[in-house]
Protein backbone atom coordinates (compact mmCIF):
# COMPACT_ATOMS: atom_id res chain seq x y z
CA MET A 1 -27.62 62.31 159.76
CA LYS A 2 -24.78 62.87 162.22
CA GLN A 3 -24.51 66.04 164.30
CA GLU A 4 -21.30 67.12 162.58
CA SER A 5 -23.05 67.06 159.18
CA ALA A 6 -26.05 68.90 160.62
CA GLU A 7 -23.79 71.60 162.04
CA THR A 8 -22.04 71.99 158.69
CA ILE A 9 -25.38 72.42 156.92
CA ALA A 10 -26.48 74.97 159.52
CA LEU A 11 -23.19 76.87 159.19
CA ASN A 12 -23.73 76.99 155.43
CA ALA A 13 -27.25 78.29 156.06
CA LEU A 14 -25.85 80.92 158.41
CA GLY A 15 -23.40 82.01 155.74
CA TRP A 16 -26.21 82.15 153.20
CA LEU A 17 -28.29 84.29 155.56
CA ALA A 18 -25.35 86.58 156.33
CA GLY A 19 -24.88 87.18 152.62
CA ASN A 20 -28.53 88.01 152.04
CA ASP A 21 -28.98 91.76 152.61
CA GLU A 22 -32.77 91.50 152.61
CA LEU A 23 -33.17 88.42 154.80
CA LEU A 24 -30.42 88.99 157.37
CA PRO A 25 -32.24 91.87 159.12
CA VAL A 26 -35.38 89.73 159.26
CA PHE A 27 -33.41 86.90 160.89
CA LEU A 28 -31.80 89.29 163.39
CA GLY A 29 -35.16 90.84 164.24
CA ALA A 30 -36.94 87.51 164.56
CA THR A 31 -34.29 85.89 166.74
CA GLY A 32 -33.05 88.89 168.70
CA ALA A 33 -29.51 87.97 167.65
CA THR A 34 -26.93 90.61 166.80
CA GLU A 35 -24.29 90.56 164.11
CA ASP A 36 -21.74 89.86 166.88
CA ASP A 37 -23.81 86.79 167.84
CA LEU A 38 -23.40 85.48 164.29
CA ARG A 39 -19.66 85.30 164.85
CA SER A 40 -19.49 84.37 168.50
CA ARG A 41 -22.22 81.72 168.48
CA ALA A 42 -21.54 80.12 165.10
CA ALA A 43 -20.09 77.04 166.85
CA ASP A 44 -23.05 76.72 169.25
CA PRO A 45 -25.30 73.83 168.13
CA ALA A 46 -28.35 75.43 169.77
CA PHE A 47 -27.79 78.67 167.85
CA LEU A 48 -27.32 76.72 164.64
CA GLY A 49 -30.64 75.04 165.37
CA ALA A 50 -32.23 78.48 165.59
CA VAL A 51 -30.75 79.32 162.19
CA LEU A 52 -32.41 76.25 160.71
CA ASP A 53 -35.66 76.98 162.57
CA PHE A 54 -35.73 80.37 160.88
CA LEU A 55 -34.77 79.06 157.46
CA THR A 56 -37.42 76.35 157.47
CA MET A 57 -40.20 78.83 158.25
CA ASN A 58 -40.47 79.69 154.56
CA ASP A 59 -40.39 77.25 151.66
CA ALA A 60 -38.95 79.90 149.31
CA TRP A 61 -35.99 80.39 151.65
CA VAL A 62 -35.40 76.64 151.84
CA VAL A 63 -35.50 76.36 148.06
CA ALA A 64 -33.15 79.32 147.56
CA PHE A 65 -30.66 78.02 150.12
CA CYS A 66 -30.76 74.44 148.89
CA ASP A 67 -30.46 75.47 145.25
CA GLN A 68 -27.40 77.57 146.08
CA ALA A 69 -25.87 74.86 148.29
CA GLY A 70 -26.73 71.94 146.02
CA LEU A 71 -28.82 70.18 148.68
CA ASP A 72 -32.10 68.30 148.60
CA TYR A 73 -34.98 70.41 149.89
CA ASP A 74 -35.56 68.16 152.90
CA THR A 75 -31.94 68.43 154.09
CA PRO A 76 -32.35 71.54 156.31
CA MET A 77 -35.22 69.92 158.22
CA GLY A 78 -33.26 66.70 158.59
CA ALA A 79 -30.32 68.67 159.95
CA ARG A 80 -32.61 70.58 162.30
CA GLN A 81 -33.89 67.37 163.85
CA VAL A 82 -30.35 66.36 164.80
CA LEU A 83 -29.42 69.61 166.56
CA PRO A 84 -30.47 70.49 170.13
CA GLY A 85 -34.18 71.24 170.41
CA GLY A 86 -35.00 69.63 167.08
CA ASP A 87 -36.74 66.55 168.43
CA GLN A 88 -40.18 65.92 167.03
CA VAL A 89 -42.84 66.70 169.62
CA HIS A 90 -45.47 64.00 170.00
CA TRP A 91 -48.57 65.22 171.78
CA THR A 92 -50.20 61.84 172.17
C-alpha cells in the first residue's frame, strides 16, 4: 500500500471517529488530543498513524469502521504499517 492510500484510509477513520459520539471522547482521552487537534493535525501522517493505532486496539471498532467504509478488515492495519511509526518491531 502506498502512503497516500494509507493517509486516505486514516482520514476516513478519523472522520468515522469524529462522527461517533461515544467513541470520540475515548479517543481524545486516550491520545490526549483535542478537538482542535483533529482539524489542525489531520494532514499529519504521524497523527493519522495514532488514529489507526487507536482504531486497531479493538476488533469491534475495526469491524464497524470497515463495514461502514466498505473495506476489508485487515486494511486499517495495512495502512498503519505504511504510516510513520508503523514498522513491525522485531525483537530477535
